[in-house]
Amino acid sequence: MSAAAEADAKLQSLRQADQVELGRWIASGAGATGDSRPEPSAATLSAERDLALAAVDADAARSALPALNDAWHAATERVRATDARRDEAVFAAAAAIARERAVELSRRVLAVLAVEAELTSVADELYSIGRRGLCAKMGNLRGIFE
């Protein structure tokens, strides 16, 4: 299509040159001196043929555009669908990893809570013993936790 536009621009330029030549002929008496009317130049005639061929090619290119446009749209849709599937796969993988790590974290938290419960029970018992004055009878427990 750009070839047709270029051929058209070239033809317009050549036609202007031919019109200048025709204007000179008219200004000189329009054949009164026996000169025949100037014909379009060989370059102009060649450019007209080139433009005709380029116009046919441009029409053929325009007729191919809808099919190419449809193919382009189909390709972009496939890219969008593939991108969506990739996002879904990444999300599923991230969710599975998060689930596994959450189960491990929960197991560890429960283990810490169990130890805390044991220590709390021991501390409560020691406090109870201390309140009853049994510490003096049992001796100094200070070294147990050091």
Foldseek 3Di string as FASTA:
>chain_A
DVQLVVLVVQLVVQVVVLVVVQVVCVVVPVCPVVDDRDDRDPVNVVSVVSNVVVVVVVVVVVVCVVVVVVVVVVVVVVVVVVVVVVVVVVVVVVVVVVVVVVVVVVVVVVVVVVVVVVVVVVVVVVVVCVVVVCDVVVDPPVPVVD
